[in-house]
C-alpha atoms as a PDB file:
ATOM      1  CA  MET A   1      94.819  90.809 110.923  1.00  0.00           C
ATOM      2  CA  ALA A   2      96.778  91.829 113.997  1.00  0.00           C
ATOM      3  CA  ILE A   3      99.917  89.930 114.874  1.00  0.00           C
ATOM      4  CA  GLN A   4      98.299  88.695 118.142  1.00  0.00           C
ATOM      5  CA  ASP A   5      95.410  87.179 116.120  1.00  0.00           C
ATOM      6  CA  PHE A   6      97.801  85.506 113.721  1.00  0.00           C
ATOM      7  CA  LEU A   7      99.910  84.075 116.569  1.00  0.00           C
ATOM      8  CA  LYS A   8      96.751  82.599 118.199  1.00  0.00           C
ATOM      9  CA  LYS A   9      95.697  81.128 114.887  1.00  0.00           C
ATOM     10  CA  GLN A  10      99.211  79.829 114.270  1.00  0.00           C
ATOM     11  CA  LYS A  11      99.291  78.158 117.627  1.00  0.00           C
ATOM     12  CA  LYS A  12      95.706  76.790 117.334  1.00  0.00           C
ATOM     13  CA  GLU A  13      96.138  75.495 113.780  1.00  0.00           C
ATOM     14  CA  LYS A  14      99.865  74.695 114.004  1.00  0.00           C
ATOM     15  CA  ILE A  15     100.594  76.884 110.936  1.00  0.00           C
ATOM     16  CA  ASN A  16     104.191  76.800 109.831  1.00  0.00           C
ATOM     17  CA  THR A  17     105.121  80.392 108.980  1.00  0.00           C
ATOM     18  CA  GLN A  18     108.073  79.202 106.806  1.00  0.00           C
ATOM     19  CA  GLU A  19     105.695  77.386 104.506  1.00  0.00           C
ATOM     20  CA  GLN A  20     103.629  80.531 103.969  1.00  0.00           C
ATOM     21  CA  VAL A  21     106.496  82.704 102.710  1.00  0.00           C
ATOM     22  CA  PRO A  22     106.392  82.836  98.883  1.00  0.00           C
ATOM     23  CA  LYS A  23     109.374  81.595  96.954  1.00  0.00           C
ATOM     24  CA  GLN A  24     110.498  85.096  95.819  1.00  0.00           C
ATOM     25  CA  TYR A  25     110.749  86.152  99.440  1.00  0.00           C
ATOM     26  CA  LYS A  26     112.628  83.189 100.865  1.00  0.00           C
ATOM     27  CA  GLN A  27     115.888  85.200 101.102  1.00  0.00           C
ATOM     28  CA  TYR A  28     114.038  87.452 103.628  1.00  0.00           C
ATOM     29  CA  GLU A  29     112.545  84.590 105.506  1.00  0.00           C
ATOM     30  CA  LYS A  30     114.074  85.514 108.868  1.00  0.00           C
ATOM     31  CA  VAL A  31     112.063  88.769 108.971  1.00  0.00           C
ATOM     32  CA  PHE A  32     108.858  86.719 108.829  1.00  0.00           C
ATOM     33  CA  SER A  33     109.713  84.757 111.930  1.00  0.00           C
ATOM     34  CA  THR A  34     107.622  85.144 115.050  1.00  0.00           C
ATOM     35  CA  LYS A  35     110.737  86.179 117.071  1.00  0.00           C
ATOM     36  CA  ALA A  36     111.638  88.859 114.509  1.00  0.00           C
ATOM     37  CA  SER A  37     108.134  90.298 114.571  1.00  0.00           C
ATOM     38  CA  PHE A  38     108.598  91.349 118.247  1.00  0.00           C
ATOM     39  CA  CYS A  39     111.991  92.996 117.681  1.00  0.00           C
ATOM     40  CA  PHE A  40     112.767  96.601 116.807  1.00  0.00           C
ATOM     41  CA  PRO A  41     115.563  97.446 114.308  1.00  0.00           C
ATOM     42  CA  GLN A  42     118.884  98.601 115.648  1.00  0.00           C
ATOM     43  CA  LYS A  43     119.115 102.277 116.533  1.00  0.00           C
ATOM     44  CA  GLN A  44     120.486 104.408 113.592  1.00  0.00           C
ATOM     45  CA  PRO A  45     121.912 107.941 113.494  1.00  0.00           C
ATOM     46  CA  TRP A  46     118.950 109.146 111.434  1.00  0.00           C
ATOM     47  CA  ASP A  47     116.387 107.993 114.019  1.00  0.00           C
ATOM     48  CA  HIS A  48     114.636 110.812 115.626  1.00  0.00           C
ATOM     49  CA  GLY A  49     111.842 111.417 118.138  1.00  0.00           C
ATOM     50  CA  ILE A  50     108.293 112.520 117.335  1.00  0.00           C
ATOM     51  CA  LYS A  51     106.991 115.143 119.600  1.00  0.00           C
ATOM     52  CA  LEU A  52     103.353 114.654 120.306  1.00  0.00           C
ATOM     53  CA  LYS A  53     100.962 117.306 121.422  1.00  0.00           C
ATOM     54  CA  PRO A  54      99.586 116.638 124.882  1.00  0.00           C
ATOM     55  CA  GLU A  55      96.148 117.614 123.892  1.00  0.00           C
ATOM     56  CA  ALA A  56      96.106 115.311 120.834  1.00  0.00           C
ATOM     57  CA  ILE A  57      93.529 112.534 120.796  1.00  0.00           C
ATOM     58  CA  PRO A  58      94.688 109.352 119.078  1.00  0.00           C
ATOM     59  CA  ARG A  59      92.422 107.991 116.281  1.00  0.00           C
ATOM     60  CA  THR A  60      91.326 104.383 116.567  1.00  0.00           C
END
């Protein structure tokens, strides 16, 4: 399920994301938040670009 679909369902059905996180993952609860799902991690020294070929056709 795409994040957009989940957010629509969450809004429509008033799903509480916090209640869906299993107990063993409660310490990581903030990464399951809606706000965190739209954020990229901080830039790191080991990050690098991926050069794409202009003629490449993306798979769908």
